[in-house]
Amino acid sequence: MNEILLNGISLDQLQESIKTIVSAELKNAVSELTTKREIEPELITRKETAEILGVSLPTLHEWTKKGVLPAKRIGSRIRYERTAVYDALKSVEPLKYRRA
């Protein structure tokens, strides 16, 4: 199996070279994807945000005014970052109901 190929390269050496190159390219692709996501956050509409949170549009408006959920204005439109919406959900503390 360890035959000599072109220019005196063995099959094992060729396989190792291919593994190294593919591994380096995969690392580059993953780092580009993560960098791109950090630069361009996914923005969602008010309606999508309200559906995710399970609230009405007026409630969402009040939460935005109070600073509970940060919004971004793009022209005349309001958008929310998807990560900020899920972070807001994580920060909500459930109410503990006590029976008297």
PDB file of N, CA and C in Angstrom:
ATOM      1  N   MET A   1       0.810  -1.194   0.000  1.00  0.00           N
ATOM      2  CA  MET A   1       0.000   0.000   0.000  1.00  0.00           C
ATOM      3  C   MET A   1       0.852   1.256   0.000  1.00  0.00           C
ATOM      4  N   ASN A   2       2.070   1.130   0.394  1.00  0.00           N
ATOM      5  CA  ASN A   2       2.935   2.295   0.523  1.00  0.00           C
ATOM      6  C   ASN A   2       3.734   2.491  -0.765  1.00  0.00           C
ATOM      7  N   GLU A   3       3.054   2.567  -1.897  1.00  0.00           N
ATOM      8  CA  GLU A   3       3.698   2.694  -3.195  1.00  0.00           C
ATOM      9  C   GLU A   3       4.222   4.119  -3.389  1.00  0.00           C
ATOM     10  N   ILE A   4       5.232   4.221  -4.211  1.00  0.00           N
ATOM     11  CA  ILE A   4       5.803   5.525  -4.523  1.00  0.00           C
ATOM     12  C   ILE A   4       5.002   6.128  -5.671  1.00  0.00           C
ATOM     13  N   LEU A   5       4.548   7.348  -5.462  1.00  0.00           N
ATOM     14  CA  LEU A   5       3.781   8.045  -6.493  1.00  0.00           C
ATOM     15  C   LEU A   5       4.704   9.001  -7.245  1.00  0.00           C
ATOM     16  N   LEU A   6       4.156  10.009  -7.840  1.00  0.00           N
ATOM     17  CA  LEU A   6       4.931  10.999  -8.571  1.00  0.00           C
ATOM     18  C   LEU A   6       5.873  11.742  -7.635  1.00  0.00           C
ATOM     19  N   ASN A   7       7.036  12.069  -8.120  1.00  0.00           N
ATOM     20  CA  ASN A   7       8.035  12.858  -7.393  1.00  0.00           C
ATOM     21  C   ASN A   7       8.439  12.235  -6.058  1.00  0.00           C
ATOM     22  N   GLY A   8       8.340  10.953  -5.913  1.00  0.00           N
ATOM     23  CA  GLY A   8       8.817  10.280  -4.717  1.00  0.00           C
ATOM     24  C   GLY A   8       7.944  10.449  -3.487  1.00  0.00           C
ATOM     25  N   ILE A   9       6.657  10.769  -3.633  1.00  0.00           N
ATOM     26  CA  ILE A   9       5.741  10.933  -2.501  1.00  0.00           C
ATOM     27  C   ILE A   9       5.013   9.606  -2.290  1.00  0.00           C
ATOM     28  N   SER A  10       5.009   9.147  -1.053  1.00  0.00           N
ATOM     29  CA  SER A  10       4.321   7.893  -0.759  1.00  0.00           C
ATOM     30  C   SER A  10       2.829   8.154  -0.577  1.00  0.00           C
ATOM     31  N   LEU A  11       2.052   7.108  -0.604  1.00  0.00           N
ATOM     32  CA  LEU A  11       0.599   7.206  -0.445  1.00  0.00           C
ATOM     33  C   LEU A  11       0.251   7.749   0.944  1.00  0.00           C
ATOM     34  N   ASP A  12       0.976   7.330   1.964  1.00  0.00           N
ATOM     35  CA  ASP A  12       0.737   7.816   3.327  1.00  0.00           C
ATOM     36  C   ASP A  12       1.018   9.322   3.432  1.00  0.00           C
ATOM     37  N   GLN A  13       2.099   9.759   2.792  1.00  0.00           N
ATOM     38  CA  GLN A  13       2.422  11.181   2.815  1.00  0.00           C
ATOM     39  C   GLN A  13       1.337  11.999   2.100  1.00  0.00           C
ATOM     40  N   LEU A  14       0.835  11.478   1.000  1.00  0.00           N
ATOM     41  CA  LEU A  14      -0.221  12.163   0.264  1.00  0.00           C
ATOM     42  C   LEU A  14      -1.492  12.261   1.113  1.00  0.00           C
ATOM     43  N   GLN A  15      -1.849  11.178   1.796  1.00  0.00           N
ATOM     44  CA  GLN A  15      -3.038  11.185   2.651  1.00  0.00           C
ATOM     45  C   GLN A  15      -2.885  12.198   3.788  1.00  0.00           C
ATOM     46  N   GLU A  16      -1.725  12.257   4.407  1.00  0.00           N
ATOM     47  CA  GLU A  16      -1.481  13.214   5.483  1.00  0.00           C
ATOM     48  C   GLU A  16      -1.548  14.645   4.972  1.00  0.00           C
ATOM     49  N   SER A  17      -1.004  14.880   3.786  1.00  0.00           N
ATOM     50  CA  SER A  17      -1.061  16.222   3.202  1.00  0.00           C
ATOM     51  C   SER A  17      -2.497  16.642   2.941  1.00  0.00           C
ATOM     52  N   ILE A  18      -3.298  15.726   2.420  1.00  0.00           N
ATOM     53  CA  ILE A  18      -4.710  16.020   2.148  1.00  0.00           C
ATOM     54  C   ILE A  18      -5.457  16.297   3.444  1.00  0.00           C
ATOM     55  N   LYS A  19      -5.227  15.487   4.477  1.00  0.00           N
ATOM     56  CA  LYS A  19      -5.876  15.700   5.773  1.00  0.00           C
ATOM     57  C   LYS A  19      -5.529  17.069   6.343  1.00  0.00           C
ATOM     58  N   THR A  20      -4.261  17.443   6.255  1.00  0.00           N
ATOM     59  CA  THR A  20      -3.815  18.730   6.789  1.00  0.00           C
ATOM     60  C   THR A  20      -4.478  19.886   6.043  1.00  0.00           C
ATOM     61  N   ILE A  21      -4.516  19.797   4.727  1.00  0.00           N
ATOM     62  CA  ILE A  21      -5.113  20.864   3.920  1.00  0.00           C
ATOM     63  C   ILE A  21      -6.608  20.979   4.184  1.00  0.00           C
ATOM     64  N   VAL A  22      -7.315  19.853   4.218  1.00  0.00           N
ATOM     65  CA  VAL A  22      -8.757  19.870   4.461  1.00  0.00           C
ATOM     66  C   VAL A  22      -9.063  20.405   5.855  1.00  0.00           C
ATOM     67  N   SER A  23      -8.283  20.000   6.837  1.00  0.00           N
ATOM     68  CA  SER A  23      -8.482  20.483   8.204  1.00  0.00           C
ATOM     69  C   SER A  23      -8.297  21.992   8.279  1.00  0.00           C
ATOM     70  N   ALA A  24      -7.258  22.511   7.641  1.00  0.00           N
ATOM     71  CA  ALA A  24      -7.008  23.958   7.653  1.00  0.00           C
ATOM     72  C   ALA A  24      -8.135  24.713   6.960  1.00  0.00           C
ATOM     73  N   GLU A  25      -8.630  24.203   5.848  1.00  0.00           N
ATOM     74  CA  GLU A  25      -9.725  24.861   5.125  1.00  0.00           C
ATOM     75  C   GLU A  25     -11.020  24.845   5.937  1.00  0.00           C
ATOM     76  N   LEU A  26     -11.300  23.746   6.635  1.00  0.00           N
ATOM     77  CA  LEU A  26     -12.495  23.683   7.476  1.00  0.00           C
ATOM     78  C   LEU A  26     -12.414  24.690   8.618  1.00  0.00           C
ATOM     79  N   LYS A  27     -11.246  24.818   9.236  1.00  0.00           N
ATOM     80  CA  LYS A  27     -11.064  25.795  10.311  1.00  0.00           C
ATOM     81  C   LYS A  27     -11.292  27.212   9.784  1.00  0.00           C
ATOM     82  N   ASN A  28     -10.778  27.508   8.598  1.00  0.00           N
ATOM     83  CA  ASN A  28     -10.983  28.827   8.001  1.00  0.00           C
ATOM     84  C   ASN A  28     -12.458  29.088   7.725  1.00  0.00           C
ATOM     85  N   ALA A  29     -13.155  28.087   7.189  1.00  0.00           N
ATOM     86  CA  ALA A  29     -14.574  28.249   6.875  1.00  0.00           C
ATOM     87  C   ALA A  29     -15.388  28.492   8.139  1.00  0.00           C
ATOM     88  N   VAL A  30     -15.106  27.754   9.206  1.00  0.00           N
ATOM     89  CA  VAL A  30     -15.829  27.919  10.467  1.00  0.00           C
ATOM     90  C   VAL A  30     -15.568  29.300  11.062  1.00  0.00           C
ATOM     91  N   SER A  31     -14.322  29.748  11.032  1.00  0.00           N
ATOM     92  CA  SER A  31     -14.014  31.066  11.589  1.00  0.00           C
ATOM     93  C   SER A  31     -14.674  32.175  10.773  1.00  0.00           C
ATOM     94  N   GLU A  32     -14.766  32.029   9.462  1.00  0.00           N
ATOM     95  CA  GLU A  32     -15.453  33.019   8.628  1.00  0.00           C
ATOM     96  C   GLU A  32     -16.933  33.065   8.948  1.00  0.00           C
ATOM     97  N   LEU A  33     -17.536  31.900   9.164  1.00  0.00           N
ATOM     98  CA  LEU A  33     -18.968  31.860   9.486  1.00  0.00           C
ATOM     99  C   LEU A  33     -19.243  32.528  10.821  1.00  0.00           C
ATOM    100  N   THR A  34     -18.446  32.250  11.819  1.00  0.00           N
ATOM    101  CA  THR A  34     -18.672  32.850  13.137  1.00  0.00           C
ATOM    102  C   THR A  34     -18.410  34.348  13.097  1.00  0.00           C
ATOM    103  N   THR A  35     -17.410  34.783  12.357  1.00  0.00           N
ATOM    104  CA  THR A  35     -17.119  36.210  12.229  1.00  0.00           C
ATOM    105  C   THR A  35     -18.256  36.913  11.514  1.00  0.00           C
ATOM    106  N   LYS A  36     -18.783  36.313  10.474  1.00  0.00           N
ATOM    107  CA  LYS A  36     -19.878  36.913   9.710  1.00  0.00           C
ATOM    108  C   LYS A  36     -21.127  37.048  10.578  1.00  0.00           C
ATOM    109  N   ARG A  37     -21.403  36.071  11.410  1.00  0.00           N
ATOM    110  CA  ARG A  37     -22.576  36.141  12.290  1.00  0.00           C
ATOM    111  C   ARG A  37     -22.421  37.247  13.321  1.00  0.00           C
ATOM    112  N   GLU A  38     -21.187  37.465  13.797  1.00  0.00           N
ATOM    113  CA  GLU A  38     -20.967  38.528  14.770  1.00  0.00           C
ATOM    114  C   GLU A  38     -21.145  39.893  14.134  1.00  0.00           C
ATOM    115  N   ILE A  39     -20.787  40.025  12.871  1.00  0.00           N
ATOM    116  CA  ILE A  39     -20.888  41.307  12.185  1.00  0.00           C
ATOM    117  C   ILE A  39     -22.329  41.603  11.785  1.00  0.00           C
ATOM    118  N   GLU A  40     -23.029  40.619  11.269  1.00  0.00           N
ATOM    119  CA  GLU A  40     -24.377  40.812  10.767  1.00  0.00           C
ATOM    120  C   GLU A  40     -25.381  40.028  11.612  1.00  0.00           C
ATOM    121  N   PRO A  41     -25.917  40.630  12.669  1.00  0.00           N
ATOM    122  CA  PRO A  41     -26.911  39.911  13.477  1.00  0.00           C
ATOM    123  C   PRO A  41     -28.217  39.756  12.705  1.00  0.00           C
ATOM    124  N   GLU A  42     -28.925  38.685  12.999  1.00  0.00           N
ATOM    125  CA  GLU A  42     -30.195  38.439  12.324  1.00  0.00           C
ATOM    126  C   GLU A  42     -31.264  39.332  12.941  1.00  0.00           C
ATOM    127  N   LEU A  43     -31.880  40.152  12.106  1.00  0.00           N
ATOM    128  CA  LEU A  43     -32.919  41.059  12.562  1.00  0.00           C
ATOM    129  C   LEU A  43     -34.286  40.491  12.210  1.00  0.00           C
ATOM    130  N   ILE A  44     -35.218  40.593  13.154  1.00  0.00           N
ATOM    131  CA  ILE A  44     -36.563  40.075  12.926  1.00  0.00           C
ATOM    132  C   ILE A  44     -37.586  41.189  13.135  1.00  0.00           C
ATOM    133  N   THR A  45     -38.767  41.000  12.574  1.00  0.00           N
ATOM    134  CA  THR A  45     -39.812  42.022  12.619  1.00  0.00           C
ATOM    135  C   THR A  45     -40.488  42.056  13.985  1.00  0.00           C
ATOM    136  N   ARG A  46     -41.313  43.082  14.182  1.00  0.00           N
ATOM    137  CA  ARG A  46     -42.075  43.212  15.422  1.00  0.00           C
ATOM    138  C   ARG A  46     -43.024  42.022  15.584  1.00  0.00           C
ATOM    139  N   LYS A  47     -43.659  41.641  14.485  1.00  0.00           N
ATOM    140  CA  LYS A  47     -44.625  40.539  14.545  1.00  0.00           C
ATOM    141  C   LYS A  47     -43.934  39.227  14.928  1.00  0.00           C
ATOM    142  N   GLU A  48     -42.799  38.943  14.309  1.00  0.00           N
ATOM    143  CA  GLU A  48     -42.050  37.727  14.648  1.00  0.00           C
ATOM    144  C   GLU A  48     -41.605  37.754  16.107  1.00  0.00           C
ATOM    145  N   THR A  49     -41.153  38.920  16.552  1.00  0.00           N
ATOM    146  CA  THR A  49     -40.706  39.068  17.937  1.00  0.00           C
ATOM    147  C   THR A  49     -41.842  38.825  18.909  1.00  0.00           C
ATOM    148  N   ALA A  50     -43.009  39.413  18.620  1.00  0.00           N
ATOM    149  CA  ALA A  50     -44.172  39.233  19.486  1.00  0.00           C
ATOM    150  C   ALA A  50     -44.585  37.765  19.548  1.00  0.00           C
ATOM    151  N   GLU A  51     -44.503  37.068  18.414  1.00  0.00           N
ATOM    152  CA  GLU A  51     -44.860  35.639  18.397  1.00  0.00           C
ATOM    153  C   GLU A  51     -43.879  34.816  19.224  1.00  0.00           C
ATOM    154  N   ILE A  52     -42.593  35.123  19.118  1.00  0.00           N
ATOM    155  CA  ILE A  52     -41.588  34.388  19.897  1.00  0.00           C
ATOM    156  C   ILE A  52     -41.823  34.591  21.388  1.00  0.00           C
ATOM    157  N   LEU A  53     -42.099  35.836  21.777  1.00  0.00           N
ATOM    158  CA  LEU A  53     -42.294  36.143  23.192  1.00  0.00           C
ATOM    159  C   LEU A  53     -43.686  35.796  23.701  1.00  0.00           C
ATOM    160  N   GLY A  54     -44.627  35.584  22.776  1.00  0.00           N
ATOM    161  CA  GLY A  54     -45.995  35.253  23.187  1.00  0.00           C
ATOM    162  C   GLY A  54     -46.736  36.451  23.752  1.00  0.00           C
ATOM    163  N   VAL A  55     -46.476  37.642  23.198  1.00  0.00           N
ATOM    164  CA  VAL A  55     -47.137  38.858  23.660  1.00  0.00           C
ATOM    165  C   VAL A  55     -47.777  39.569  22.459  1.00  0.00           C
ATOM    166  N   SER A  56     -48.595  40.571  22.761  1.00  0.00           N
ATOM    167  CA  SER A  56     -49.220  41.352  21.700  1.00  0.00           C
ATOM    168  C   SER A  56     -48.265  42.459  21.240  1.00  0.00           C
ATOM    169  N   LEU A  57     -48.581  43.068  20.109  1.00  0.00           N
ATOM    170  CA  LEU A  57     -47.757  44.160  19.607  1.00  0.00           C
ATOM    171  C   LEU A  57     -47.747  45.366  20.551  1.00  0.00           C
ATOM    172  N   PRO A  58     -48.896  45.741  21.166  1.00  0.00           N
ATOM    173  CA  PRO A  58     -48.836  46.844  22.133  1.00  0.00           C
ATOM    174  C   PRO A  58     -47.944  46.540  23.339  1.00  0.00           C
ATOM    175  N   THR A  59     -47.976  45.309  23.814  1.00  0.00           N
ATOM    176  CA  THR A  59     -47.100  44.930  24.931  1.00  0.00           C
ATOM    177  C   THR A  59     -45.641  45.010  24.512  1.00  0.00           C
ATOM    178  N   LEU A  60     -45.341  44.541  23.313  1.00  0.00           N
ATOM    179  CA  LEU A  60     -43.981  44.617  22.792  1.00  0.00           C
ATOM    180  C   LEU A  60     -43.531  46.077  22.702  1.00  0.00           C
ATOM    181  N   HIS A  61     -44.424  46.947  22.272  1.00  0.00           N
ATOM    182  CA  HIS A  61     -44.116  48.375  22.185  1.00  0.00           C
ATOM    183  C   HIS A  61     -43.791  48.939  23.574  1.00  0.00           C
ATOM    184  N   GLU A  62     -44.567  48.574  24.557  1.00  0.00           N
ATOM    185  CA  GLU A  62     -44.318  49.046  25.936  1.00  0.00           C
ATOM    186  C   GLU A  62     -42.977  48.538  26.452  1.00  0.00           C
ATOM    187  N   TRP A  63     -42.684  47.274  26.202  1.00  0.00           N
ATOM    188  CA  TRP A  63     -41.413  46.716  26.644  1.00  0.00           C
ATOM    189  C   TRP A  63     -40.240  47.430  25.983  1.00  0.00           C
ATOM    190  N   THR A  64     -40.410  47.797  24.723  1.00  0.00           N
ATOM    191  CA  THR A  64     -39.356  48.511  24.010  1.00  0.00           C
ATOM    192  C   THR A  64     -39.175  49.903  24.609  1.00  0.00           C
ATOM    193  N   LYS A  65     -40.282  50.585  24.905  1.00  0.00           N
ATOM    194  CA  LYS A  65     -40.202  51.917  25.508  1.00  0.00           C
ATOM    195  C   LYS A  65     -39.541  51.871  26.879  1.00  0.00           C
ATOM    196  N   LYS A  66     -39.823  50.815  27.657  1.00  0.00           N
ATOM    197  CA  LYS A  66     -39.258  50.684  29.001  1.00  0.00           C
ATOM    198  C   LYS A  66     -37.809  50.187  28.982  1.00  0.00           C
ATOM    199  N   GLY A  67     -37.343  49.742  27.822  1.00  0.00           N
ATOM    200  CA  GLY A  67     -35.967  49.260  27.722  1.00  0.00           C
ATOM    201  C   GLY A  67     -35.799  47.798  28.065  1.00  0.00           C
ATOM    202  N   VAL A  68     -36.908  47.082  28.201  1.00  0.00           N
ATOM    203  CA  VAL A  68     -36.830  45.641  28.489  1.00  0.00           C
ATOM    204  C   VAL A  68     -36.217  44.906  27.303  1.00  0.00           C
ATOM    205  N   LEU A  69     -36.550  45.356  26.101  1.00  0.00           N
ATOM    206  CA  LEU A  69     -36.086  44.721  24.877  1.00  0.00           C
ATOM    207  C   LEU A  69     -35.555  45.795  23.932  1.00  0.00           C
ATOM    208  N   PRO A  70     -34.247  45.791  23.639  1.00  0.00           N
ATOM    209  CA  PRO A  70     -33.695  46.824  22.764  1.00  0.00           C
ATOM    210  C   PRO A  70     -34.137  46.626  21.313  1.00  0.00           C
ATOM    211  N   ALA A  71     -34.447  47.729  20.643  1.00  0.00           N
ATOM    212  CA  ALA A  71     -34.888  47.693  19.251  1.00  0.00           C
ATOM    213  C   ALA A  71     -33.948  48.513  18.392  1.00  0.00           C
ATOM    214  N   LYS A  72     -33.973  48.222  17.112  1.00  0.00           N
ATOM    215  CA  LYS A  72     -33.190  48.978  16.143  1.00  0.00           C
ATOM    216  C   LYS A  72     -34.146  49.572  15.121  1.00  0.00           C
ATOM    217  N   ARG A  73     -33.953  50.838  14.808  1.00  0.00           N
ATOM    218  CA  ARG A  73     -34.777  51.493  13.800  1.00  0.00           C
ATOM    219  C   ARG A  73     -34.000  51.492  12.490  1.00  0.00           C
ATOM    220  N   ILE A  74     -34.629  50.959  11.457  1.00  0.00           N
ATOM    221  CA  ILE A  74     -34.054  50.955  10.115  1.00  0.00           C
ATOM    222  C   ILE A  74     -35.044  51.714   9.240  1.00  0.00           C
ATOM    223  N   GLY A  75     -34.725  52.958   8.980  1.00  0.00           N
ATOM    224  CA  GLY A  75     -35.671  53.819   8.275  1.00  0.00           C
ATOM    225  C   GLY A  75     -36.869  54.047   9.169  1.00  0.00           C
ATOM    226  N   SER A  76     -38.042  53.668   8.681  1.00  0.00           N
ATOM    227  CA  SER A  76     -39.254  53.812   9.491  1.00  0.00           C
ATOM    228  C   SER A  76     -39.653  52.496  10.148  1.00  0.00           C
ATOM    229  N   ARG A  77     -38.834  51.487  10.012  1.00  0.00           N
ATOM    230  CA  ARG A  77     -39.175  50.151  10.527  1.00  0.00           C
ATOM    231  C   ARG A  77     -38.408  49.832  11.798  1.00  0.00           C
ATOM    232  N   ILE A  78     -39.045  49.054  12.642  1.00  0.00           N
ATOM    233  CA  ILE A  78     -38.433  48.610  13.891  1.00  0.00           C
ATOM    234  C   ILE A  78     -38.047  47.145  13.730  1.00  0.00           C
ATOM    235  N   ARG A  79     -36.837  46.823  14.112  1.00  0.00           N
ATOM    236  CA  ARG A  79     -36.360  45.444  14.054  1.00  0.00           C
ATOM    237  C   ARG A  79     -35.699  45.101  15.380  1.00  0.00           C
ATOM    238  N   TYR A  80     -35.700  43.813  15.686  1.00  0.00           N
ATOM    239  CA  TYR A  80     -35.091  43.295  16.914  1.00  0.00           C
ATOM    240  C   TYR A  80     -34.065  42.245  16.531  1.00  0.00           C
ATOM    241  N   GLU A  81     -32.968  42.203  17.278  1.00  0.00           N
ATOM    242  CA  GLU A  81     -31.988  41.151  17.055  1.00  0.00           C
ATOM    243  C   GLU A  81     -32.507  39.864  17.681  1.00  0.00           C
ATOM    244  N   ARG A  82     -32.439  38.788  16.909  1.00  0.00           N
ATOM    245  CA  ARG A  82     -32.955  37.503  17.394  1.00  0.00           C
ATOM    246  C   ARG A  82     -32.254  37.085  18.687  1.00  0.00           C
ATOM    247  N   THR A  83     -30.953  37.289  18.771  1.00  0.00           N
ATOM    248  CA  THR A  83     -30.227  36.898  19.986  1.00  0.00           C
ATOM    249  C   THR A  83     -30.683  37.723  21.189  1.00  0.00           C
ATOM    250  N   ALA A  84     -30.978  39.013  20.974  1.00  0.00           N
ATOM    251  CA  ALA A  84     -31.441  39.862  22.077  1.00  0.00           C
ATOM    252  C   ALA A  84     -32.809  39.409  22.573  1.00  0.00           C
ATOM    253  N   VAL A  85     -33.659  38.935  21.655  1.00  0.00           N
ATOM    254  CA  VAL A  85     -34.988  38.450  22.039  1.00  0.00           C
ATOM    255  C   VAL A  85     -34.847  37.217  22.928  1.00  0.00           C
ATOM    256  N   TYR A  86     -33.993  36.275  22.527  1.00  0.00           N
ATOM    257  CA  TYR A  86     -33.825  35.066  23.327  1.00  0.00           C
ATOM    258  C   TYR A  86     -33.100  35.359  24.644  1.00  0.00           C
ATOM    259  N   ASP A  87     -32.193  36.326  24.626  1.00  0.00           N
ATOM    260  CA  ASP A  87     -31.543  36.727  25.879  1.00  0.00           C
ATOM    261  C   ASP A  87     -32.554  37.339  26.839  1.00  0.00           C
ATOM    262  N   ALA A  88     -33.515  38.113  26.304  1.00  0.00           N
ATOM    263  CA  ALA A  88     -34.551  38.703  27.145  1.00  0.00           C
ATOM    264  C   ALA A  88     -35.413  37.604  27.764  1.00  0.00           C
ATOM    265  N   LEU A  89     -35.667  36.552  27.003  1.00  0.00           N
ATOM    266  CA  LEU A  89     -36.449  35.430  27.541  1.00  0.00           C
ATOM    267  C   LEU A  89     -35.695  34.745  28.682  1.00  0.00           C
ATOM    268  N   LYS A  90     -34.388  34.611  28.537  1.00  0.00           N
ATOM    269  CA  LYS A  90     -33.594  33.950  29.565  1.00  0.00           C
ATOM    270  C   LYS A  90     -33.550  34.762  30.857  1.00  0.00           C
ATOM    271  N   SER A  91     -33.608  36.086  30.716  1.00  0.00           N
ATOM    272  CA  SER A  91     -33.473  36.937  31.898  1.00  0.00           C
ATOM    273  C   SER A  91     -34.776  37.082  32.689  1.00  0.00           C
ATOM    274  N   VAL A  92     -35.888  36.583  32.156  1.00  0.00           N
ATOM    275  CA  VAL A  92     -37.174  36.688  32.849  1.00  0.00           C
ATOM    276  C   VAL A  92     -37.202  35.703  34.007  1.00  0.00           C
ATOM    277  N   GLU A  93     -37.549  36.192  35.160  1.00  0.00           N
ATOM    278  CA  GLU A  93     -37.657  35.315  36.324  1.00  0.00           C
ATOM    279  C   GLU A  93     -39.119  34.918  36.492  1.00  0.00           C
ATOM    280  N   PRO A  94     -39.380  33.624  36.609  1.00  0.00           N
ATOM    281  CA  PRO A  94     -40.768  33.196  36.776  1.00  0.00           C
ATOM    282  C   PRO A  94     -41.340  33.621  38.129  1.00  0.00           C
ATOM    283  N   LEU A  95     -42.601  33.906  38.124  1.00  0.00           N
ATOM    284  CA  LEU A  95     -43.257  34.279  39.374  1.00  0.00           C
ATOM    285  C   LEU A  95     -43.493  33.038  40.213  1.00  0.00           C
ATOM    286  N   LYS A  96     -43.343  33.176  41.499  1.00  0.00           N
ATOM    287  CA  LYS A  96     -43.614  32.073  42.404  1.00  0.00           C
ATOM    288  C   LYS A  96     -44.952  32.370  43.093  1.00  0.00           C
ATOM    289  N   TYR A  97     -45.875  31.535  42.832  1.00  0.00           N
ATOM    290  CA  TYR A  97     -47.184  31.733  43.424  1.00  0.00           C
ATOM    291  C   TYR A  97     -47.249  31.016  44.781  1.00  0.00           C
ATOM    292  N   ARG A  98     -47.735  31.735  45.754  1.00  0.00           N
ATOM    293  CA  ARG A  98     -47.866  31.160  47.092  1.00  0.00           C
ATOM    294  C   ARG A  98     -49.329  31.113  47.473  1.00  0.00           C
ATOM    295  N   ARG A  99     -49.665  30.070  48.076  1.00  0.00           N
ATOM    296  CA  ARG A  99     -51.045  29.969  48.580  1.00  0.00           C
ATOM    297  C   ARG A  99     -51.066  30.496  50.008  1.00  0.00           C
ATOM    298  N   ALA A 100     -52.016  31.327  50.275  1.00  0.00           N
ATOM    299  CA  ALA A 100     -52.100  31.899  51.606  1.00  0.00           C
ATOM    300  C   ALA A 100     -52.973  31.092  52.508  1.00  0.00           C
TER     301      ALA A 100
END
